[in-house]
Amino acid sequence: MKKNFSIIAFTFIIIFNFSFLNAKEISQKMISDYFKNPTFEDLWFGIYDENNIRYAWYNLNEFKEGDYWVQVMQSKTKYLEVVEDGETLLENEIIFYYNTKEYFDYNYPHSLKKIELTLQNNNENESYEAIINNGIAKVTSNNNGKINNLEFKDIDIRLGDLLKLELLLHNYDDWEIGEIVNYKSYDMYSFEVSEEKDTLESIENKFYGGVKIPVYKFVTETSDTRSGFSSYYSLNSKRPMEYIDVYETYLLENKETAQEISFGGASNASQMITVDQILEDNENIKRLLLEIDGEYEKGFYEGDRQNVYSKNGKKYLELDFDLNTDPPAIEKDIQKNLKATSIYPSNDEYFINLAKEIIEDVQDPWFQVELLLDYVDIFIKDDYTSNSHSVYDVVKKKVGDCTEHALLFNTLARAAGIPSRELTGIINYEENKFALHAWNEVVINGYWYPVDPTWNYLVPPLTHIKFDLLESVPATYNFKVVEIEYY
């Protein structure tokens, strides 16, 4: 599975977050004062991978422009995609540029009025514009000339909510370790709003550029719309000094330093996990107990088919088809995963008509899913170095790896009225090796079931090991087989 640049772009967006702190409140005057000394005024971050290669830069800025308060987020990434195919290493250099501008009414209550986004992914170009009036967001996306229009209702996003953590940091100094910040964030592609939680984990000293700086460390939990990360804010300047997630570190630097980037980033080859014996005939494995040998904190899904537990100081991953029950789909998740978005333009007549053509008059939902799996498997030719950001580009190129398969399947399933979402995890793709992979889950008869369009699995093997939604598990461990049972 290649780096998912839509997720990268989304990660950049969520650094500005909605927040609410029970014991500390903000006022309209705080916002007015903030406009005179904003936190994110032309800040530059170098982005480092796990090998300490600075492979991207990230710039935050905010200012008054006419009747708006504008927040700008832009980044340039030089990503080196490396995939191990047998004894061959396949490499692909990807240059990715991202620029987003959010416009807020300068007058109170400072509501979000417009979003502009541009993406450049090698030769692929995408633009996105959302206009928000009277609680309705009208979105137009342009993928290399392919236009799609969407509409989202009940939108109420305000600058005071968005910047509440920064406003509180500017106005309060009596922070205590363990203090919790409850807030909200949103996904600009679907306008989904989620409940969030930050915890002040420590007040400590860290060295930046050889200078010791006292900082607050906040830990952000993974939510329905974004992955977790840690952030460090200077006690003195109230500026963010550093952001750390599973694979990357964002470090505040001067512009010239931040822009000195090289090709790097986490890839399949660097995220390889080995097991101490060859797993033969993994499609017929009924039960598999693995010792997690190495560093592991969290991230594996625990539920249907999977469980993680500790015993005698060791951690184990238990996989069993009879483990737990099929997870029920609640109505909120069904509607969320039926929704057309800029990532999944299932409202486009092309995908609606294509889904109808594939399914024809078949009524059985399992058979419908099977037909969609067959189509995607045949339509997309496997290519580990292909990199399509949009589903329109997938349709045009007809090549890709697991991310392209999952993207096209998700769009077609939703176009057919089948709730579907993407998953990430690892699979046993070769003898004793596991690697990153993307596949899907669909709702059938009220329950979630995994399917894999890359390998055309209506029922994926147990060795498809799923991460929690939006979680990642870095390759700081390997597996040891403790128990294996076949059908």
Protein backbone atom coordinates (compact mmCIF):
# COMPACT_ATOMS: atom_id res chain seq x y z
CA MET A 1 0.00 0.00 0.00
CA LYS A 2 1.43 3.34 -1.02
CA LYS A 3 1.28 6.54 0.97
CA ASN A 4 -2.29 7.84 0.90
CA PHE A 5 -1.91 11.49 -0.04
CA SER A 6 -5.54 12.29 0.66
CA ILE A 7 -4.80 11.23 4.23
CA ILE A 8 -1.62 13.37 4.27
CA ALA A 9 -3.59 16.38 3.05
CA PHE A 10 -6.23 15.73 5.67
CA THR A 11 -3.55 15.40 8.38
CA PHE A 12 -2.31 18.88 7.51
CA ILE A 13 -5.81 20.28 7.83
CA ILE A 14 -6.52 18.87 11.27
CA ILE A 15 -3.62 20.67 12.95
CA PHE A 16 -6.08 23.58 13.18
CA ASN A 17 -8.75 22.04 15.41
CA PHE A 18 -11.99 22.79 17.18
CA SER A 19 -11.49 22.67 20.93
CA PHE A 20 -13.38 23.27 24.13
CA LEU A 21 -12.06 23.29 27.66
CA ASN A 22 -14.58 23.02 30.47
CA ALA A 23 -12.66 25.10 33.02
CA LYS A 24 -11.44 27.76 30.62
CA GLU A 25 -13.60 29.85 28.32
CA ILE A 26 -12.95 32.34 25.54
CA SER A 27 -14.54 35.67 24.82
CA GLN A 28 -15.17 37.74 21.71
CA LYS A 29 -12.43 40.12 22.88
CA MET A 30 -9.91 37.26 22.93
CA ILE A 31 -10.60 36.69 19.25
CA SER A 32 -10.21 40.39 18.45
CA ASP A 33 -6.90 40.45 20.34
CA TYR A 34 -5.80 37.28 18.55
CA PHE A 35 -6.16 39.00 15.17
CA LYS A 36 -3.43 41.41 16.28
CA ASN A 37 -1.00 38.60 17.19
CA PRO A 38 -2.05 35.31 15.52
CA THR A 39 -0.36 32.04 16.42
CA PHE A 40 0.06 30.69 12.89
CA GLU A 41 1.64 33.70 11.21
CA ASP A 42 3.97 32.32 8.52
CA LEU A 43 5.26 29.27 10.40
CA TRP A 44 7.47 26.82 8.53
CA PHE A 45 7.92 23.18 9.48
CA GLY A 46 10.34 20.61 8.12
CA ILE A 47 8.73 17.15 7.99
CA TYR A 48 11.05 14.26 8.87
CA ASP A 49 10.55 10.54 8.31
CA GLU A 50 11.60 7.72 10.65
CA ASN A 51 15.12 7.84 9.15
CA ASN A 52 15.37 11.56 9.97
CA ILE A 53 15.20 12.55 6.29
CA ARG A 54 13.52 15.91 5.77
CA TYR A 55 11.30 14.98 2.84
CA ALA A 56 8.57 17.63 3.04
CA TRP A 57 7.89 21.14 4.21
CA TYR A 58 4.71 22.55 5.67
CA ASN A 59 3.73 26.21 5.95
CA LEU A 60 0.95 27.76 8.07
CA ASN A 61 -0.16 31.35 7.72
CA GLU A 62 -3.14 33.50 8.64
CA PHE A 63 -4.08 37.13 7.96
CA LYS A 64 -6.89 39.57 7.20
CA GLU A 65 -7.88 39.85 3.54
CA GLY A 66 -10.79 42.15 2.76
CA ASP A 67 -13.81 41.00 4.76
CA TYR A 68 -12.21 37.66 5.65
CA TRP A 69 -9.77 36.15 8.11
CA VAL A 70 -7.82 33.69 5.99
CA GLN A 71 -5.93 30.59 7.14
CA VAL A 72 -3.48 29.10 4.65
CA MET A 73 -1.92 25.63 4.78
CA GLN A 74 0.52 24.49 2.13
CA SER A 75 3.06 21.72 1.78
CA LYS A 76 5.46 20.17 -0.67
CA THR A 77 6.48 16.52 -0.38
CA LYS A 78 9.17 14.48 -2.13
CA TYR A 79 7.99 10.96 -1.45
CA LEU A 80 10.10 7.95 -2.43
CA GLU A 81 7.76 5.01 -2.82
CA VAL A 82 9.68 1.74 -2.35
CA VAL A 83 7.94 -1.61 -2.78
CA GLU A 84 9.58 -5.00 -2.29
CA ASP A 85 8.43 -7.36 -5.05
CA GLY A 86 10.12 -10.69 -4.39
CA GLU A 87 13.85 -9.94 -4.51
CA THR A 88 13.30 -6.73 -6.49
CA LEU A 89 12.92 -3.26 -5.01
CA LEU A 90 10.63 -1.05 -7.08
CA GLU A 91 11.11 2.69 -6.63
CA ASN A 92 8.91 5.57 -7.68
CA GLU A 93 9.56 9.27 -7.01
CA ILE A 94 6.44 11.30 -6.27
CA ILE A 95 6.32 15.07 -5.90
CA PHE A 96 3.20 16.26 -4.14
CA TYR A 97 2.11 19.87 -3.58
CA TYR A 98 -0.85 20.91 -1.49
CA ASN A 99 -2.39 24.34 -0.81
CA THR A 100 -5.56 25.11 1.15
CA LYS A 101 -7.14 28.46 2.06
CA GLU A 102 -10.01 28.76 4.53
CA TYR A 103 -11.96 32.04 4.55
CA PHE A 104 -13.82 33.12 7.70
CA ASP A 105 -16.13 36.11 7.99
CA TYR A 106 -14.09 38.79 9.76
CA ASN A 107 -17.21 39.82 11.68
CA TYR A 108 -18.44 37.89 14.68
CA PRO A 109 -19.25 34.94 14.90
CA HIS A 110 -16.51 34.47 12.24
CA SER A 111 -18.23 31.65 10.32
CA LEU A 112 -16.43 29.66 7.64
CA LYS A 113 -17.51 31.00 4.26
CA LYS A 114 -15.22 29.43 1.69
CA ILE A 115 -12.53 26.78 1.18
CA GLU A 116 -10.11 26.63 -1.75
CA LEU A 117 -7.77 23.69 -2.28
CA THR A 118 -5.30 22.70 -4.99
CA LEU A 119 -3.36 19.45 -5.24
CA GLN A 120 -0.57 18.57 -7.63
CA ASN A 121 0.56 14.95 -7.64
CA ASN A 122 3.23 14.58 -10.33
CA ASN A 123 1.14 15.09 -13.49
CA GLU A 124 -2.22 14.91 -11.75
CA ASN A 125 -3.99 18.14 -10.77
CA GLU A 126 -7.00 18.57 -8.54
CA SER A 127 -8.84 21.62 -7.29
CA TYR A 128 -11.67 21.96 -4.81
CA GLU A 129 -13.86 24.89 -3.83
CA ALA A 130 -16.58 25.02 -1.19
CA ILE A 131 -18.91 27.99 -0.73
CA ILE A 132 -20.88 28.01 2.54
CA ASN A 133 -24.05 30.10 2.86
CA ASN A 134 -26.98 29.67 5.25
CA GLY A 135 -25.58 26.39 6.53
CA ILE A 136 -25.24 24.82 3.07
CA ALA A 137 -21.84 23.99 1.57
CA LYS A 138 -21.78 23.78 -2.22
CA VAL A 139 -18.65 22.00 -3.38
CA THR A 140 -17.09 21.86 -6.83
CA SER A 141 -14.13 19.58 -7.49
CA ASN A 142 -12.06 19.46 -10.66
CA ASN A 143 -9.91 16.40 -11.32
CA ASN A 144 -7.89 17.06 -14.47
CA GLY A 145 -10.94 18.64 -16.10
CA LYS A 146 -13.54 16.24 -14.66
CA ILE A 147 -16.06 18.37 -12.74
CA ASN A 148 -18.20 17.09 -9.89
CA ASN A 149 -20.66 19.03 -7.71
CA LEU A 150 -21.75 18.15 -4.18
CA GLU A 151 -23.89 19.75 -1.50
CA PHE A 152 -23.70 19.34 2.29
CA LYS A 153 -26.24 20.71 4.77
CA ASP A 154 -26.22 21.91 8.39
CA ILE A 155 -22.72 23.38 8.23
CA ASP A 156 -21.77 25.65 11.13
CA ILE A 157 -18.00 26.09 11.53
CA ARG A 158 -16.69 29.11 13.45
CA LEU A 159 -13.21 30.50 13.91
CA GLY A 160 -13.64 30.82 17.66
CA ASP A 161 -14.27 27.09 17.90
CA LEU A 162 -11.52 26.27 15.44
CA LEU A 163 -8.83 28.22 17.32
CA LYS A 164 -10.07 27.71 20.86
CA LEU A 165 -6.98 25.82 22.05
CA GLU A 166 -4.67 28.53 20.73
CA LEU A 167 -6.87 31.26 22.22
CA LEU A 168 -6.83 29.56 25.61
CA LEU A 169 -3.06 29.13 25.50
CA HIS A 170 -2.72 32.86 24.84
CA ASN A 171 -4.96 33.80 27.76
CA TYR A 172 -4.39 31.22 30.50
CA ASP A 173 -1.20 30.18 32.29
CA ASP A 174 -2.67 27.94 35.01
CA TRP A 175 -2.55 24.69 33.03
CA GLU A 176 -2.30 21.43 34.96
CA ILE A 177 -0.98 18.04 33.81
CA GLY A 178 -3.89 15.74 32.98
CA GLU A 179 -6.13 18.62 31.97
CA ILE A 180 -8.48 17.51 29.17
CA VAL A 181 -9.55 19.53 26.15
CA ASN A 182 -12.81 18.35 24.57
CA TYR A 183 -13.39 19.78 21.13
CA LYS A 184 -14.44 19.01 17.57
CA SER A 185 -12.75 18.66 14.20
CA TYR A 186 -14.09 18.21 10.70
CA ASP A 187 -13.24 16.56 7.40
CA MET A 188 -13.32 19.13 4.60
CA TYR A 189 -14.12 16.45 1.98
CA SER A 190 -17.28 15.19 3.69
CA PHE A 191 -17.89 17.95 6.28
CA GLU A 192 -18.21 15.22 8.90
CA VAL A 193 -17.76 16.61 12.42
CA SER A 194 -16.27 14.41 15.14
CA GLU A 195 -15.80 14.66 18.89
CA GLU A 196 -12.16 14.99 19.89
CA LYS A 197 -10.09 14.80 23.05
CA ASP A 198 -6.68 16.25 23.89
CA THR A 199 -4.84 15.66 27.15
CA LEU A 200 -2.03 17.81 28.56
CA GLU A 201 0.44 15.00 29.18
CA SER A 202 3.40 17.00 30.45
CA ILE A 203 5.04 20.37 30.96
CA GLU A 204 8.69 19.89 30.14
CA ASN A 205 11.84 21.33 28.60
CA LYS A 206 12.94 20.41 25.07
CA PHE A 207 15.90 21.52 22.98
CA TYR A 208 15.16 23.26 19.68
CA GLY A 209 18.11 24.54 17.68
CA GLY A 210 20.33 24.01 20.72
CA VAL A 211 18.10 26.16 22.94
CA LYS A 212 16.16 24.74 25.88
CA ILE A 213 12.50 25.76 25.62
CA PRO A 214 9.72 25.01 28.14
CA VAL A 215 6.78 23.39 26.34
CA TYR A 216 3.31 21.97 26.86
CA LYS A 217 2.85 18.49 25.42
CA PHE A 218 -0.70 17.72 24.28
CA VAL A 219 -1.71 14.23 23.11
CA THR A 220 -4.55 14.06 20.59
CA GLU A 221 -6.51 10.81 20.43
CA THR A 222 -7.54 9.17 17.18
CA SER A 223 -11.13 10.02 16.28
CA ASP A 224 -13.65 9.29 13.53
CA THR A 225 -12.05 11.85 11.20
CA ARG A 226 -8.32 11.83 11.92
CA SER A 227 -5.33 9.99 13.34
CA GLY A 228 -3.82 10.82 16.70
CA PHE A 229 -0.65 12.84 17.21
CA SER A 230 1.30 14.78 19.84
CA SER A 231 1.93 18.52 19.79
CA TYR A 232 4.41 20.71 21.67
CA TYR A 233 3.58 24.38 22.31
CA SER A 234 6.07 26.89 23.70
CA LEU A 235 5.05 28.21 27.12
CA ASN A 236 6.54 31.57 26.22
CA SER A 237 5.53 32.29 22.61
CA LYS A 238 2.48 29.95 22.58
CA ARG A 239 3.62 28.78 19.13
CA PRO A 240 3.63 25.12 18.13
CA MET A 241 7.23 23.89 18.09
CA GLU A 242 6.69 20.30 16.98
CA TYR A 243 4.02 17.81 15.88
CA ILE A 244 4.68 14.06 16.03
CA ASP A 245 2.56 11.27 14.54
CA VAL A 246 3.28 7.59 13.90
CA TYR A 247 5.53 8.05 10.87
CA GLU A 248 6.54 11.72 10.83
CA THR A 249 7.80 14.65 12.87
CA TYR A 250 6.91 18.26 12.00
CA LEU A 251 9.65 20.55 13.36
CA LEU A 252 9.39 24.37 13.43
CA GLU A 253 12.28 25.82 11.39
CA ASN A 254 13.13 28.85 9.30
CA LYS A 255 11.86 28.87 5.73
CA GLU A 256 15.20 28.20 4.06
CA THR A 257 15.96 25.18 6.25
CA ALA A 258 12.47 23.70 6.00
CA GLN A 259 12.50 23.88 2.19
CA GLU A 260 15.73 21.83 1.86
CA ILE A 261 14.00 18.49 1.26
CA SER A 262 15.03 15.12 -0.21
CA PHE A 263 13.10 12.06 -1.33
CA GLY A 264 12.02 9.91 1.62
CA GLY A 265 9.05 8.87 3.74
CA ALA A 266 7.63 5.64 5.10
CA SER A 267 7.02 3.03 2.37
CA ASN A 268 6.15 -0.63 1.98
CA ALA A 269 9.78 -1.74 2.07
CA SER A 270 10.44 0.14 5.31
CA GLN A 271 7.22 -1.18 6.88
CA MET A 272 7.89 -4.90 6.32
CA ILE A 273 7.08 -7.32 9.16
CA THR A 274 8.46 -10.86 9.24
CA VAL A 275 7.14 -14.01 10.89
CA ASP A 276 9.44 -16.76 12.15
CA GLN A 277 8.01 -19.40 9.82
CA ILE A 278 6.44 -19.60 6.38
CA LEU A 279 2.65 -19.48 6.50
CA GLU A 280 1.50 -21.99 3.94
CA ASP A 281 -2.00 -22.03 2.47
CA ASN A 282 -3.08 -18.95 4.43
CA GLU A 283 -6.52 -19.01 2.77
CA ASN A 284 -7.33 -22.14 4.82
CA ILE A 285 -6.04 -20.94 8.20
CA LYS A 286 -8.86 -21.17 10.76
CA ARG A 287 -6.95 -19.94 13.80
CA LEU A 288 -3.59 -18.23 14.24
CA LEU A 289 -1.93 -17.07 17.46
CA LEU A 290 1.05 -14.74 17.02
CA GLU A 291 3.44 -13.36 19.60
CA ILE A 292 4.16 -9.68 18.93
CA ASP A 293 7.94 -9.63 19.24
CA GLY A 294 9.15 -6.06 19.69
CA GLU A 295 7.62 -2.66 20.39
CA TYR A 296 3.84 -2.46 20.12
CA GLU A 297 1.57 -0.02 21.95
CA LYS A 298 -1.76 0.03 20.12
CA GLY A 299 -3.42 0.16 16.71
CA PHE A 300 -4.58 -3.36 15.89
CA TYR A 301 -8.36 -3.67 15.65
CA GLU A 302 -9.93 -5.71 18.46
CA GLY A 303 -13.26 -7.29 17.60
CA ASP A 304 -14.47 -9.61 14.87
CA ARG A 305 -11.72 -12.16 14.06
CA GLN A 306 -9.02 -10.28 16.06
CA ASN A 307 -7.92 -9.86 19.67
CA VAL A 308 -4.79 -8.48 21.39
CA TYR A 309 -3.82 -9.48 24.91
CA SER A 310 -0.85 -9.71 27.27
CA LYS A 311 0.27 -12.73 29.26
CA ASN A 312 3.39 -13.28 31.33
CA GLY A 313 4.94 -10.06 30.04
CA LYS A 314 4.38 -10.90 26.37
CA LYS A 315 1.86 -9.51 23.88
CA TYR A 316 -0.18 -11.69 21.56
CA LEU A 317 -2.35 -11.18 18.48
CA GLU A 318 -5.11 -13.78 18.29
CA LEU A 319 -6.81 -14.40 14.94
CA ASP A 320 -9.79 -16.72 14.67
CA PHE A 321 -12.87 -16.80 12.44
CA ASP A 322 -14.94 -17.80 15.47
CA LEU A 323 -13.61 -14.95 17.60
CA ASN A 324 -16.34 -12.44 18.54
CA THR A 325 -19.39 -11.70 16.40
CA ASP A 326 -19.94 -9.76 13.20
CA PRO A 327 -19.91 -6.04 14.08
CA PRO A 328 -23.35 -4.45 13.63
CA ALA A 329 -23.61 -1.27 11.53
CA ILE A 330 -25.37 1.60 13.28
CA GLU A 331 -27.51 3.96 11.22
CA LYS A 332 -25.06 6.85 11.58
CA ASP A 333 -22.22 4.78 10.08
CA ILE A 334 -24.45 3.46 7.32
CA GLN A 335 -25.37 6.98 6.20
CA LYS A 336 -21.78 8.18 6.55
CA ASN A 337 -20.47 5.39 4.33
CA LEU A 338 -23.18 5.82 1.72
CA LYS A 339 -22.35 9.50 1.30
CA ALA A 340 -20.78 10.87 -1.86
CA THR A 341 -17.69 13.00 -1.16
CA SER A 342 -14.94 14.61 -3.19
CA ILE A 343 -12.82 11.50 -2.52
CA TYR A 344 -15.68 9.11 -3.39
CA PRO A 345 -17.81 10.90 -6.06
CA SER A 346 -20.48 8.22 -6.06
CA ASN A 347 -23.07 10.81 -7.10
CA ASP A 348 -21.42 11.07 -10.53
CA GLU A 349 -23.67 9.62 -13.24
CA TYR A 350 -20.68 7.76 -14.67
CA PHE A 351 -20.22 5.67 -11.51
CA ILE A 352 -23.97 5.27 -10.93
CA ASN A 353 -24.47 3.93 -14.46
CA LEU A 354 -21.34 1.77 -14.27
CA ALA A 355 -22.53 0.19 -11.01
CA LYS A 356 -25.93 -0.54 -12.58
CA GLU A 357 -24.25 -2.08 -15.61
CA ILE A 358 -22.11 -4.34 -13.41
CA ILE A 359 -24.91 -5.46 -11.08
CA GLU A 360 -27.76 -5.48 -13.63
CA ASP A 361 -30.91 -6.94 -12.02
CA VAL A 362 -29.13 -8.93 -9.27
CA GLN A 363 -30.89 -8.42 -5.92
CA ASP A 364 -28.82 -10.53 -3.54
CA PRO A 365 -26.40 -8.14 -1.73
CA TRP A 366 -23.62 -10.75 -1.46
CA PHE A 367 -23.80 -11.41 -5.18
CA GLN A 368 -23.82 -7.66 -5.88
CA VAL A 369 -20.61 -7.24 -3.88
CA GLU A 370 -19.08 -10.25 -5.62
CA LEU A 371 -19.81 -8.72 -9.04
CA LEU A 372 -18.21 -5.40 -8.01
CA LEU A 373 -15.15 -7.23 -6.69
CA ASP A 374 -14.79 -9.15 -9.95
CA TYR A 375 -15.09 -5.96 -11.99
CA VAL A 376 -12.49 -3.98 -10.03
CA ASP A 377 -10.09 -6.93 -9.96
CA ILE A 378 -10.23 -7.28 -13.75
CA PHE A 379 -10.45 -3.55 -14.58
CA ILE A 380 -7.32 -2.46 -12.67
CA LYS A 381 -4.03 -3.93 -13.81
CA ASP A 382 -1.64 -4.43 -10.90
CA ASP A 383 1.10 -1.80 -10.83
CA TYR A 384 2.99 -1.18 -7.59
CA THR A 385 4.43 2.14 -8.74
CA SER A 386 1.24 3.73 -10.02
CA ASN A 387 0.04 6.66 -7.95
CA SER A 388 -3.47 8.00 -8.51
CA HIS A 389 -4.92 10.48 -6.06
CA SER A 390 -8.43 10.56 -7.54
CA VAL A 391 -10.78 7.82 -8.68
CA TYR A 392 -11.11 9.61 -12.03
CA ASP A 393 -7.40 9.08 -12.59
CA VAL A 394 -7.80 5.39 -11.68
CA VAL A 395 -10.52 5.02 -14.32
CA LYS A 396 -8.32 6.77 -16.88
CA LYS A 397 -5.09 4.83 -16.20
CA LYS A 398 -6.64 1.45 -15.31
CA VAL A 399 -3.57 0.55 -13.25
CA GLY A 400 -2.76 0.62 -9.56
CA ASP A 401 -2.05 -1.23 -6.37
CA CYS A 402 -4.31 -1.88 -3.37
CA THR A 403 -5.11 1.80 -2.78
CA GLU A 404 -6.48 2.24 -6.30
CA HIS A 405 -8.50 -0.98 -6.01
CA ALA A 406 -9.99 0.08 -2.66
CA LEU A 407 -10.74 3.60 -3.94
CA LEU A 408 -12.59 2.44 -7.05
CA PHE A 409 -14.48 -0.29 -5.19
CA ASN A 410 -15.57 2.14 -2.47
CA THR A 411 -16.91 4.60 -5.05
CA LEU A 412 -18.77 1.94 -7.04
CA ALA A 413 -20.25 0.31 -3.93
CA ARG A 414 -21.64 3.62 -2.69
CA ALA A 415 -22.95 4.39 -6.18
CA ALA A 416 -24.79 1.06 -6.00
CA GLY A 417 -26.29 1.92 -2.60
CA ILE A 418 -23.99 -0.38 -0.61
CA PRO A 419 -22.36 1.25 2.44
CA SER A 420 -18.60 0.85 2.09
CA ARG A 421 -15.43 2.14 3.74
CA GLU A 422 -11.70 1.67 3.29
CA LEU A 423 -9.52 -0.25 5.74
CA THR A 424 -5.78 -0.37 6.27
CA GLY A 425 -3.69 -3.06 7.85
CA ILE A 426 -1.13 -5.70 6.94
CA ILE A 427 -1.38 -8.93 4.98
CA ASN A 428 0.76 -12.02 4.59
CA TYR A 429 1.54 -11.39 0.94
CA GLU A 430 4.64 -13.57 0.58
CA GLU A 431 5.84 -16.62 2.55
CA ASN A 432 6.93 -15.22 5.94
CA LYS A 433 6.40 -11.51 5.21
CA PHE A 434 3.63 -9.06 6.04
CA ALA A 435 3.25 -5.65 4.39
CA LEU A 436 0.87 -2.69 4.42
CA HIS A 437 -2.37 -3.16 2.53
CA ALA A 438 -5.71 -1.45 1.90
CA TRP A 439 -9.05 -3.19 1.46
CA ASN A 440 -12.73 -2.51 2.23
CA GLU A 441 -15.66 -3.28 4.49
CA VAL A 442 -19.28 -3.33 3.35
CA VAL A 443 -22.61 -3.47 5.14
CA ILE A 444 -24.72 -6.50 4.28
CA ASN A 445 -27.94 -7.24 6.17
CA GLY A 446 -26.97 -4.79 8.91
CA TYR A 447 -23.44 -6.03 9.62
CA TRP A 448 -19.93 -5.03 8.52
CA TYR A 449 -17.97 -7.58 6.48
CA PRO A 450 -14.43 -7.27 5.06
CA VAL A 451 -13.84 -7.73 1.32
CA ASP A 452 -10.67 -7.30 -0.76
CA PRO A 453 -10.93 -6.05 -4.37
CA THR A 454 -7.16 -6.29 -4.96
CA TRP A 455 -7.10 -10.06 -4.44
CA ASN A 456 -10.81 -10.55 -5.24
CA TYR A 457 -11.66 -11.95 -1.81
CA LEU A 458 -15.30 -12.01 -0.81
CA VAL A 459 -14.01 -13.42 2.50
CA PRO A 460 -10.38 -12.35 3.10
CA PRO A 461 -8.02 -14.76 4.89
CA LEU A 462 -7.27 -14.38 8.60
CA THR A 463 -3.86 -13.06 7.60
CA HIS A 464 -5.56 -9.82 6.57
CA ILE A 465 -4.79 -8.10 9.89
CA LYS A 466 -6.83 -4.96 10.31
CA PHE A 467 -5.83 -1.71 12.03
CA ASP A 468 -8.37 0.34 13.95
CA LEU A 469 -9.94 2.94 11.66
CA LEU A 470 -7.43 5.75 10.98
CA GLU A 471 -4.82 4.06 13.18
CA SER A 472 -1.36 2.95 12.03
CA VAL A 473 1.01 0.43 13.56
CA PRO A 474 4.66 1.17 12.73
CA ALA A 475 6.91 -1.80 11.91
CA THR A 476 8.74 -1.90 15.24
CA TYR A 477 7.92 -5.56 15.81
CA ASN A 478 7.89 -8.99 14.14
CA PHE A 479 5.71 -12.06 14.67
CA LYS A 480 6.38 -15.49 16.18
CA VAL A 481 3.88 -18.27 15.49
CA VAL A 482 2.56 -19.77 18.73
CA GLU A 483 -0.38 -21.72 17.37
CA ILE A 484 -1.82 -22.42 13.92
CA GLU A 485 -4.92 -24.39 12.95
CA TYR A 486 -6.18 -25.18 9.44
CA TYR A 487 -9.64 -26.10 8.20
